[in-house]
Amino acid sequence: EGRVKVEKLEGGKKAVGKGHKKATEQDTSLPKIAILHIGGTIASRVDYRTGAVTAGFEPEDLIEMFPELSKTANFTAKKITQIASENMRIEHYTMIAHEVAKAAGDPSVAGIILPHGTDTMAYPSAALAFMLEDIAIPVLLVGAQRSSDRASSDAAMNLMCATHFITKTDFAGVGICMHETSEDTDCVILPPCKTRKMHTSRRDAFKAVNDT
């Protein structure tokens, strides 16, 4: 029988590379939106050595990667945590609610975006709807089915739609902003207590159950 020789070409584990940072200019006359970074695919990169998706973004990186956002609003960014959504627990919901309340205490903040993993996003959205029942500004959980560094990512459109919704409506409360269809044409704001993730990879994976 023939033998197969396996030779290791590289030694040691290397971190996933990141490009050079470049500050994005923002217009302070535009409405202010606070991005409170939580984690998930929307804040991850593909490690092409393994094919796995790994956490690889700081909150500022989302603004830098999608500079078109700065034409609609003026953003502040803060990392609350960097956690996969399947590892979220009740104590994380409490931590998020406290950070949202703190950000909402700034009267210049028009709304809050929470980048979050999609696998369990329906659960914290429901919890936050009760914990932030009287909040006077929009708080939108936004996810992505494909990581932000992929050409096929849905992150940019979900973030842009959330930004437009915050700046152009008088909505107050918690909602989920994701693709309405599998095409890059529309997003939908979904009710936090009636929404489920119905598919593992479709862009329009989130649907309101017994609601429109």
Protein backbone atom coordinates (compact mmCIF):
# COMPACT_ATOMS: atom_id res chain seq x y z
CA GLU A 1 0.00 0.00 0.00
CA GLY A 2 1.15 3.53 -0.76
CA ARG A 3 1.83 6.03 1.97
CA VAL A 4 0.76 9.66 2.14
CA LYS A 5 3.21 12.12 3.58
CA VAL A 6 1.76 15.08 5.45
CA GLU A 7 4.05 18.06 5.87
CA LYS A 8 3.25 21.04 8.07
CA LEU A 9 4.09 24.22 6.18
CA GLU A 10 3.33 26.85 8.81
CA GLY A 11 3.87 26.81 12.52
CA GLY A 12 1.74 28.35 15.23
CA LYS A 13 -1.71 29.82 15.12
CA LYS A 14 -2.05 33.28 13.63
CA ALA A 15 -4.74 35.78 14.38
CA VAL A 16 -7.13 36.74 11.63
CA GLY A 17 -5.69 39.81 9.92
CA LYS A 18 -7.32 43.22 9.90
CA GLY A 19 -6.77 46.13 7.56
CA HIS A 20 -5.41 49.52 8.51
CA LYS A 21 -7.89 51.77 10.27
CA LYS A 22 -9.00 54.97 8.59
CA ALA A 23 -11.17 57.41 10.47
CA THR A 24 -14.56 58.13 8.90
CA GLU A 25 -15.58 61.77 8.89
CA GLN A 26 -18.99 62.39 10.39
CA ASP A 27 -21.41 65.28 10.13
CA THR A 28 -22.31 66.39 13.64
CA SER A 29 -25.37 68.25 12.32
CA LEU A 30 -27.06 64.92 11.50
CA PRO A 31 -29.14 62.95 14.04
CA LYS A 32 -27.01 61.02 16.52
CA ILE A 33 -27.30 57.23 16.72
CA ALA A 34 -25.54 55.15 19.36
CA ILE A 35 -24.21 51.76 18.28
CA LEU A 36 -23.87 49.46 21.29
CA HIS A 37 -21.82 46.52 20.07
CA ILE A 38 -22.76 43.05 21.32
CA GLY A 39 -21.29 40.63 18.76
CA GLY A 40 -22.59 38.01 16.35
CA THR A 41 -22.01 37.41 12.64
CA ILE A 42 -22.57 41.08 11.82
CA ALA A 43 -19.41 41.83 13.81
CA SER A 44 -17.33 38.88 12.59
CA ARG A 45 -14.89 37.97 9.84
CA VAL A 46 -14.33 34.76 7.91
CA ASP A 47 -11.09 32.98 8.77
CA TYR A 48 -10.28 31.53 5.35
CA ARG A 49 -7.76 29.09 6.79
CA THR A 50 -10.53 27.22 8.61
CA GLY A 51 -13.73 28.48 6.98
CA ALA A 52 -15.04 29.46 10.41
CA VAL A 53 -16.50 32.83 11.31
CA THR A 54 -14.70 34.53 14.18
CA ALA A 55 -15.36 37.71 16.14
CA GLY A 56 -13.17 40.31 14.50
CA PHE A 57 -14.68 43.79 14.67
CA GLU A 58 -14.64 46.70 17.03
CA PRO A 59 -17.79 48.85 16.95
CA GLU A 60 -15.95 51.60 15.05
CA ASP A 61 -15.05 49.10 12.32
CA LEU A 62 -18.69 48.82 11.24
CA ILE A 63 -18.82 52.57 10.62
CA GLU A 64 -15.51 52.46 8.77
CA MET A 65 -16.57 49.49 6.63
CA PHE A 66 -19.88 51.11 5.66
CA PRO A 67 -19.02 54.84 5.29
CA GLU A 68 -22.37 55.48 3.57
CA LEU A 69 -23.93 55.29 7.03
CA SER A 70 -22.26 58.57 7.96
CA LYS A 71 -24.28 60.38 5.26
CA THR A 72 -27.49 59.63 7.18
CA ALA A 73 -26.52 59.99 10.83
CA ASN A 74 -23.74 60.86 13.23
CA PHE A 75 -22.63 57.75 15.11
CA THR A 76 -21.12 57.02 18.48
CA ALA A 77 -19.91 53.49 19.16
CA LYS A 78 -19.29 51.44 22.29
CA LYS A 79 -18.52 47.78 22.88
CA ILE A 80 -20.74 46.22 25.55
CA THR A 81 -19.44 42.72 24.97
CA GLN A 82 -18.23 40.40 22.19
CA ILE A 83 -20.27 37.25 22.50
CA ALA A 84 -21.88 34.65 20.25
CA SER A 85 -25.64 34.82 20.59
CA GLU A 86 -25.91 31.19 21.65
CA ASN A 87 -23.90 32.09 24.74
CA MET A 88 -26.22 34.90 25.82
CA ARG A 89 -27.76 34.58 29.27
CA ILE A 90 -30.26 36.56 31.35
CA GLU A 91 -27.47 38.56 32.98
CA HIS A 92 -26.41 39.77 29.54
CA TYR A 93 -29.93 41.08 28.88
CA THR A 94 -29.73 43.09 32.10
CA MET A 95 -26.32 44.48 31.13
CA ILE A 96 -27.61 45.50 27.68
CA ALA A 97 -30.70 47.16 29.16
CA HIS A 98 -28.54 49.21 31.54
CA GLU A 99 -26.27 50.34 28.68
CA VAL A 100 -29.26 51.22 26.50
CA ALA A 101 -30.81 53.26 29.31
CA LYS A 102 -27.51 55.05 29.84
CA ALA A 103 -27.17 55.91 26.13
CA ALA A 104 -30.81 56.99 25.95
CA GLY A 105 -30.15 59.40 28.79
CA ASP A 106 -28.30 61.60 26.31
CA PRO A 107 -31.03 63.88 24.88
CA SER A 108 -29.09 64.24 21.62
CA VAL A 109 -29.33 60.48 20.86
CA ALA A 110 -32.13 59.86 18.34
CA GLY A 111 -31.94 56.07 18.50
CA ILE A 112 -29.85 53.03 19.37
CA ILE A 113 -28.64 50.15 17.19
CA LEU A 114 -27.68 46.84 18.82
CA PRO A 115 -25.62 44.63 16.45
CA HIS A 116 -26.46 41.11 17.67
CA GLY A 117 -26.07 37.48 16.61
CA THR A 118 -29.11 36.12 14.80
CA ASP A 119 -29.40 32.64 16.34
CA THR A 120 -31.03 33.85 19.55
CA MET A 121 -31.81 37.48 18.69
CA ALA A 122 -35.55 36.94 19.19
CA TYR A 123 -35.04 36.20 22.90
CA PRO A 124 -33.22 39.37 24.01
CA SER A 125 -35.53 41.44 21.81
CA ALA A 126 -38.52 40.16 23.78
CA ALA A 127 -36.76 40.61 27.11
CA LEU A 128 -35.66 44.16 26.25
CA ALA A 129 -39.19 45.05 25.13
CA PHE A 130 -40.34 44.53 28.73
CA MET A 131 -37.21 45.91 30.39
CA LEU A 132 -37.31 49.09 28.26
CA GLU A 133 -41.10 49.38 28.09
CA ASP A 134 -41.18 53.17 28.52
CA ILE A 135 -38.15 54.10 26.40
CA ALA A 136 -38.87 57.15 24.25
CA ILE A 137 -36.53 56.40 21.31
CA PRO A 138 -36.12 53.47 18.89
CA VAL A 139 -33.87 50.58 19.94
CA LEU A 140 -33.24 48.24 17.01
CA LEU A 141 -31.51 44.87 17.15
CA VAL A 142 -29.72 44.35 13.84
CA GLY A 143 -28.02 41.18 12.66
CA ALA A 144 -26.56 39.59 9.55
CA GLN A 145 -26.81 36.12 8.11
CA ARG A 146 -23.39 36.51 6.48
CA SER A 147 -20.34 38.18 8.00
CA SER A 148 -19.69 41.81 7.13
CA ASP A 149 -16.47 41.13 5.22
CA ARG A 150 -18.21 38.93 2.62
CA ALA A 151 -19.40 40.37 -0.67
CA SER A 152 -22.76 38.65 -0.17
CA SER A 153 -23.24 40.05 3.34
CA ASP A 154 -26.62 41.49 4.28
CA ALA A 155 -25.08 43.59 7.06
CA ALA A 156 -24.79 46.87 5.14
CA MET A 157 -28.42 46.96 4.06
CA ASN A 158 -29.73 45.94 7.48
CA LEU A 159 -27.68 48.68 9.15
CA MET A 160 -28.64 51.28 6.56
CA CYS A 161 -32.33 50.45 6.84
CA ALA A 162 -32.17 50.66 10.63
CA THR A 163 -30.45 54.04 10.35
CA HIS A 164 -33.05 55.41 7.93
CA PHE A 165 -35.90 54.10 10.08
CA ILE A 166 -34.52 55.79 13.19
CA THR A 167 -33.95 59.14 11.48
CA LYS A 168 -37.17 59.29 9.46
CA THR A 169 -39.85 57.97 11.83
CA ASP A 170 -41.21 58.78 15.28
CA PHE A 171 -41.15 55.13 16.40
CA ALA A 172 -40.27 54.51 20.05
CA GLY A 173 -39.53 51.11 21.58
CA VAL A 174 -37.69 47.90 20.72
CA GLY A 175 -37.70 46.24 17.31
CA ILE A 176 -35.72 43.93 15.02
CA CYS A 177 -34.45 45.17 11.66
CA MET A 178 -33.65 42.47 9.08
CA HIS A 179 -34.25 41.69 5.39
CA GLU A 180 -37.92 41.43 4.41
CA THR A 181 -37.21 39.18 1.39
CA SER A 182 -34.22 37.22 0.14
CA GLU A 183 -33.41 40.09 -2.26
CA ASP A 184 -31.49 43.25 -1.39
CA THR A 185 -34.55 45.44 -1.83
CA ASP A 186 -36.30 45.97 1.51
CA CYS A 187 -35.93 45.50 5.23
CA VAL A 188 -38.70 45.17 7.78
CA ILE A 189 -39.04 46.26 11.40
CA LEU A 190 -40.34 43.26 13.32
CA PRO A 191 -42.18 43.18 16.67
CA PRO A 192 -39.83 42.03 19.44
CA CYS A 193 -42.24 39.67 21.20
CA LYS A 194 -43.70 37.89 18.16
CA THR A 195 -40.69 37.25 15.95
CA ARG A 196 -38.76 34.04 15.32
CA LYS A 197 -35.79 33.03 13.21
CA MET A 198 -37.24 30.56 10.71
CA HIS A 199 -34.19 29.62 8.63
CA THR A 200 -30.47 29.15 9.24
CA SER A 201 -29.10 31.04 6.22
CA ARG A 202 -31.81 32.91 4.29
CA ARG A 203 -31.59 36.70 4.41
CA ASP A 204 -35.31 36.86 5.23
CA ALA A 205 -35.00 34.31 8.03
CA PHE A 206 -36.93 36.39 10.57
CA LYS A 207 -40.73 36.36 10.48
CA ALA A 208 -43.46 37.70 12.75
CA VAL A 209 -45.65 34.85 13.99
CA ASN A 210 -49.41 35.53 13.90
CA ASP A 211 -48.74 39.17 13.15
CA THR A 212 -48.14 41.43 10.14
